Amino acid sequence: MNTTLQIRIDKKTKLKAQKTFAALGIDMSSGVKMFLNQVVIEQCFPFVPSTKKTRALRKEMDKEFAWALKHGKGYASAKEMHAAILRGE
């Protein structure tokens, strides 16, 4: 048995979502059903919600990671890394 779901959303977002779903070959109703089914399957959002603060933190982490890849020492194993730590490297 099917039921009806009504939501309120601004027109601009609705039109952009319709355009995106159309590019994926589905309609709005199918896209929303897919989203809700993923919520049920995963028992959480099927994406990681973010804010300006979390995006800024992620950008900073990405910079630190890139620096570490460029300047940091690599180890072949955890045992090798542990030995280096114990030597004070």
Protein backbone atom coordinates (compact mmCIF):
# COMPACT_ATOMS: atom_id res chain seq x y z
CA MET A 1 0.00 0.00 0.00
CA ASN A 2 1.41 3.38 -0.99
CA THR A 3 1.04 6.65 0.88
CA THR A 4 1.59 10.28 -0.06
CA LEU A 5 4.44 12.41 1.24
CA GLN A 6 4.20 16.19 1.03
CA ILE A 7 7.15 18.48 1.69
CA ARG A 8 7.75 22.19 1.40
CA ILE A 9 10.92 23.35 -0.32
CA ASP A 10 11.97 26.53 -2.05
CA LYS A 11 11.31 26.66 -5.79
CA LYS A 12 14.98 27.13 -6.75
CA THR A 13 16.08 23.98 -4.90
CA LYS A 14 13.18 21.99 -6.36
CA LEU A 15 14.04 23.01 -9.91
CA LYS A 16 17.74 22.24 -9.45
CA ALA A 17 16.90 18.83 -7.96
CA GLN A 18 14.51 18.05 -10.84
CA LYS A 19 17.23 18.98 -13.33
CA THR A 20 19.79 16.80 -11.53
CA PHE A 21 17.43 13.82 -11.30
CA ALA A 22 16.50 14.22 -14.99
CA ALA A 23 20.21 14.10 -15.87
CA LEU A 24 20.36 10.83 -13.91
CA GLY A 25 17.37 9.49 -15.84
CA ILE A 26 14.86 9.55 -12.97
CA ASP A 27 12.05 11.79 -11.79
CA MET A 28 11.78 13.65 -8.48
CA SER A 29 9.54 11.03 -6.89
CA SER A 30 11.99 8.22 -7.72
CA GLY A 31 14.93 10.27 -6.41
CA VAL A 32 13.21 10.96 -3.09
CA LYS A 33 12.18 7.27 -2.80
CA MET A 34 15.81 6.23 -3.40
CA PHE A 35 16.98 8.66 -0.70
CA LEU A 36 14.42 7.41 1.83
CA ASN A 37 15.20 3.77 1.06
CA GLN A 38 18.91 4.43 1.70
CA VAL A 39 18.04 6.09 5.02
CA VAL A 40 16.12 2.95 6.00
CA ILE A 41 18.86 0.56 4.81
CA GLU A 42 21.74 2.45 6.45
CA GLN A 43 19.75 3.70 9.46
CA CYS A 44 21.40 7.11 8.98
CA PHE A 45 21.90 9.78 6.35
CA PRO A 46 23.39 8.31 3.16
CA PHE A 47 25.85 11.22 3.16
CA VAL A 48 27.81 13.22 5.70
CA PRO A 49 26.06 16.51 6.47
CA SER A 50 28.49 19.40 6.64
CA THR A 51 28.64 23.01 7.69
CA LYS A 52 31.02 25.84 6.86
CA LYS A 53 32.99 24.94 9.98
CA THR A 54 33.32 21.24 9.11
CA ARG A 55 34.28 22.08 5.51
CA ALA A 56 36.96 24.48 6.79
CA LEU A 57 38.28 21.81 9.17
CA ARG A 58 38.34 19.27 6.33
CA LYS A 59 40.25 21.71 4.12
CA GLU A 60 42.83 22.23 6.88
CA MET A 61 43.14 18.47 7.43
CA ASP A 62 43.65 17.95 3.69
CA LYS A 63 46.46 20.56 3.71
CA GLU A 64 48.14 18.85 6.68
CA PHE A 65 47.81 15.45 5.04
CA ALA A 66 49.30 16.74 1.77
CA TRP A 67 52.23 18.25 3.71
CA ALA A 68 52.81 14.96 5.57
CA LEU A 69 52.80 13.01 2.31
CA LYS A 70 55.35 15.38 0.80
CA HIS A 71 57.64 15.86 3.81
CA GLY A 72 56.95 12.96 6.15
CA LYS A 73 58.86 9.71 6.39
CA GLY A 74 57.10 6.57 5.23
CA TYR A 75 57.37 3.22 6.96
CA ALA A 76 57.03 -0.26 5.52
CA SER A 77 55.25 -1.54 8.63
CA ALA A 78 53.88 -0.53 11.99
CA LYS A 79 56.82 -2.35 13.59
CA GLU A 80 59.29 -0.16 11.65
CA MET A 81 57.40 2.98 12.66
CA HIS A 82 57.30 1.91 16.31
CA ALA A 83 61.06 1.30 16.31
CA ALA A 84 61.65 4.78 14.84
CA ILE A 85 59.47 6.33 17.55
CA LEU A 86 61.40 4.52 20.25
CA ARG A 87 64.66 5.82 18.74
CA GLY A 88 63.24 9.36 18.93
CA GLU A 89 63.05 9.93 15.18
